[in-house]
């Protein structure tokens, strides 16, 4: 059995961080909420065409006609502290998190 990383809150309660492992560019609308709430330098805004085929289906109501398609991407997953703040603020549920082995 593999041990996972376990921390403690200031109050002494055990806490198991879950680190971001993926960000689904197909469902991301580039709102930047995860970027704004992240206490580290984990995310960056990139052109959607750099990550996925822009002809793939996406929800056209999420974009204005003049908007360039931008999405968030993981810039530095190793800087993630496992707080999952990004996941809690994402309106499209784009983030995937996993516990890490100690």
C-alpha atoms as a PDB file:
ATOM      1  CA  UNK A   1       0.000   0.000   0.000  1.00  0.00           C
ATOM      2  CA  UNK A   2       1.347   3.427  -0.979  1.00  0.00           C
ATOM      3  CA  UNK A   3       1.324   6.173   1.637  1.00  0.00           C
ATOM      4  CA  UNK A   4      -0.122   9.512   0.581  1.00  0.00           C
ATOM      5  CA  UNK A   5       0.991  12.977   1.570  1.00  0.00           C
ATOM      6  CA  UNK A   6      -0.869  14.037   4.707  1.00  0.00           C
ATOM      7  CA  UNK A   7      -0.752  17.455   6.320  1.00  0.00           C
ATOM      8  CA  UNK A   8      -2.300  19.015   9.364  1.00  0.00           C
ATOM      9  CA  UNK A   9      -4.403  22.116   9.653  1.00  0.00           C
ATOM     10  CA  UNK A  10      -3.492  24.766  12.187  1.00  0.00           C
ATOM     11  CA  UNK A  11      -6.099  23.187  14.462  1.00  0.00           C
ATOM     12  CA  UNK A  12      -4.387  19.793  14.230  1.00  0.00           C
ATOM     13  CA  UNK A  13      -6.883  18.070  11.932  1.00  0.00           C
ATOM     14  CA  UNK A  14      -5.348  15.806   9.294  1.00  0.00           C
ATOM     15  CA  UNK A  15      -5.736  17.012   5.719  1.00  0.00           C
ATOM     16  CA  UNK A  16      -4.884  15.163   2.485  1.00  0.00           C
ATOM     17  CA  UNK A  17      -4.028  17.552  -0.365  1.00  0.00           C
ATOM     18  CA  UNK A  18      -5.232  16.745  -3.872  1.00  0.00           C
ATOM     19  CA  UNK A  19      -2.982  18.200  -6.555  1.00  0.00           C
ATOM     20  CA  UNK A  20      -4.161  19.405  -9.975  1.00  0.00           C
ATOM     21  CA  UNK A  21      -3.207  16.904 -12.679  1.00  0.00           C
ATOM     22  CA  UNK A  22      -5.300  18.004 -15.655  1.00  0.00           C
ATOM     23  CA  UNK A  23      -7.321  20.921 -16.963  1.00  0.00           C
ATOM     24  CA  UNK A  24      -9.853  20.110 -19.692  1.00  0.00           C
ATOM     25  CA  UNK A  25      -9.325  22.688 -22.447  1.00  0.00           C
ATOM     26  CA  UNK A  26     -12.418  21.461 -24.279  1.00  0.00           C
ATOM     27  CA  UNK A  27     -14.746  22.615 -21.508  1.00  0.00           C
ATOM     28  CA  UNK A  28     -12.714  25.591 -20.191  1.00  0.00           C
ATOM     29  CA  UNK A  29     -14.186  29.004 -21.059  1.00  0.00           C
ATOM     30  CA  UNK A  30     -11.086  30.985 -20.073  1.00  0.00           C
ATOM     31  CA  UNK A  31     -12.857  32.914 -17.312  1.00  0.00           C
ATOM     32  CA  UNK A  32      -9.664  33.080 -15.214  1.00  0.00           C
ATOM     33  CA  UNK A  33     -11.342  32.263 -11.906  1.00  0.00           C
ATOM     34  CA  UNK A  34      -8.873  29.459 -11.185  1.00  0.00           C
ATOM     35  CA  UNK A  35      -5.963  31.764 -12.016  1.00  0.00           C
ATOM     36  CA  UNK A  36      -7.261  34.468  -9.680  1.00  0.00           C
ATOM     37  CA  UNK A  37      -7.897  32.167  -6.723  1.00  0.00           C
ATOM     38  CA  UNK A  38      -4.702  30.088  -7.005  1.00  0.00           C
ATOM     39  CA  UNK A  39      -2.194  31.102  -4.309  1.00  0.00           C
ATOM     40  CA  UNK A  40       0.674  29.803  -6.465  1.00  0.00           C
ATOM     41  CA  UNK A  41       1.798  30.178 -10.104  1.00  0.00           C
ATOM     42  CA  UNK A  42       0.041  27.056 -11.453  1.00  0.00           C
ATOM     43  CA  UNK A  43      -2.091  28.394 -14.339  1.00  0.00           C
ATOM     44  CA  UNK A  44      -1.714  30.545 -17.448  1.00  0.00           C
ATOM     45  CA  UNK A  45      -4.057  31.811 -20.168  1.00  0.00           C
ATOM     46  CA  UNK A  46      -3.271  30.394 -23.629  1.00  0.00           C
ATOM     47  CA  UNK A  47      -4.850  30.271 -27.073  1.00  0.00           C
ATOM     48  CA  UNK A  48      -7.324  27.412 -27.219  1.00  0.00           C
ATOM     49  CA  UNK A  49      -6.012  26.492 -30.684  1.00  0.00           C
ATOM     50  CA  UNK A  50      -2.641  25.651 -29.074  1.00  0.00           C
ATOM     51  CA  UNK A  51      -4.308  22.890 -27.034  1.00  0.00           C
ATOM     52  CA  UNK A  52      -7.291  21.568 -28.992  1.00  0.00           C
ATOM     53  CA  UNK A  53      -8.781  21.637 -32.459  1.00  0.00           C
ATOM     54  CA  UNK A  54     -10.899  24.815 -32.405  1.00  0.00           C
ATOM     55  CA  UNK A  55     -13.368  23.142 -34.749  1.00  0.00           C
ATOM     56  CA  UNK A  56     -14.279  20.767 -31.888  1.00  0.00           C
ATOM     57  CA  UNK A  57     -17.639  21.511 -30.358  1.00  0.00           C
ATOM     58  CA  UNK A  58     -17.809  24.168 -27.672  1.00  0.00           C
ATOM     59  CA  UNK A  59     -20.641  26.122 -26.136  1.00  0.00           C
ATOM     60  CA  UNK A  60     -20.970  29.158 -28.425  1.00  0.00           C
ATOM     61  CA  UNK A  61     -23.020  30.990 -25.786  1.00  0.00           C
ATOM     62  CA  UNK A  62     -19.871  31.240 -23.645  1.00  0.00           C
ATOM     63  CA  UNK A  63     -18.069  33.409 -26.225  1.00  0.00           C
ATOM     64  CA  UNK A  64     -18.768  36.667 -28.037  1.00  0.00           C
ATOM     65  CA  UNK A  65     -18.200  36.624 -31.796  1.00  0.00           C
ATOM     66  CA  UNK A  66     -15.201  38.950 -31.464  1.00  0.00           C
ATOM     67  CA  UNK A  67     -13.541  36.978 -28.663  1.00  0.00           C
ATOM     68  CA  UNK A  68     -10.378  35.070 -29.396  1.00  0.00           C
ATOM     69  CA  UNK A  69     -10.687  31.622 -27.895  1.00  0.00           C
ATOM     70  CA  UNK A  70      -8.534  31.600 -24.755  1.00  0.00           C
ATOM     71  CA  UNK A  71      -8.432  28.931 -22.092  1.00  0.00           C
ATOM     72  CA  UNK A  72      -6.517  28.262 -18.926  1.00  0.00           C
ATOM     73  CA  UNK A  73      -3.698  25.725 -18.979  1.00  0.00           C
ATOM     74  CA  UNK A  74      -1.477  24.237 -16.322  1.00  0.00           C
ATOM     75  CA  UNK A  75       1.753  26.235 -16.329  1.00  0.00           C
ATOM     76  CA  UNK A  76       3.515  24.575 -13.371  1.00  0.00           C
ATOM     77  CA  UNK A  77       1.756  21.590 -11.770  1.00  0.00           C
ATOM     78  CA  UNK A  78       4.691  21.126  -9.392  1.00  0.00           C
ATOM     79  CA  UNK A  79       3.842  24.478  -7.766  1.00  0.00           C
ATOM     80  CA  UNK A  80       0.346  23.222  -6.803  1.00  0.00           C
ATOM     81  CA  UNK A  81      -0.206  22.923  -3.036  1.00  0.00           C
ATOM     82  CA  UNK A  82      -3.304  20.734  -3.356  1.00  0.00           C
ATOM     83  CA  UNK A  83      -5.877  23.144  -1.920  1.00  0.00           C
ATOM     84  CA  UNK A  84      -8.396  22.569  -4.768  1.00  0.00           C
ATOM     85  CA  UNK A  85      -9.462  26.235  -4.728  1.00  0.00           C
ATOM     86  CA  UNK A  86      -9.354  26.209  -8.526  1.00  0.00           C
ATOM     87  CA  UNK A  87     -11.832  23.369  -8.684  1.00  0.00           C
ATOM     88  CA  UNK A  88     -14.246  25.021  -6.279  1.00  0.00           C
ATOM     89  CA  UNK A  89     -14.531  28.216  -8.361  1.00  0.00           C
ATOM     90  CA  UNK A  90     -14.598  26.634 -11.829  1.00  0.00           C
ATOM     91  CA  UNK A  91     -18.064  26.984 -13.416  1.00  0.00           C
ATOM     92  CA  UNK A  92     -17.324  24.217 -15.946  1.00  0.00           C
ATOM     93  CA  UNK A  93     -15.690  21.613 -13.655  1.00  0.00           C
ATOM     94  CA  UNK A  94     -12.501  21.530 -15.771  1.00  0.00           C
ATOM     95  CA  UNK A  95      -9.941  20.464 -13.168  1.00  0.00           C
ATOM     96  CA  UNK A  96      -8.832  16.970 -12.221  1.00  0.00           C
ATOM     97  CA  UNK A  97      -7.034  16.396  -8.921  1.00  0.00           C
ATOM     98  CA  UNK A  98      -5.243  13.442  -7.366  1.00  0.00           C
ATOM     99  CA  UNK A  99      -3.622  12.634  -4.069  1.00  0.00           C
ATOM    100  CA  UNK A 100       0.139  12.185  -4.277  1.00  0.00           C
ATOM    101  CA  UNK A 101       2.372   9.526  -2.786  1.00  0.00           C
ATOM    102  CA  UNK A 102       4.599  10.584   0.082  1.00  0.00           C
END
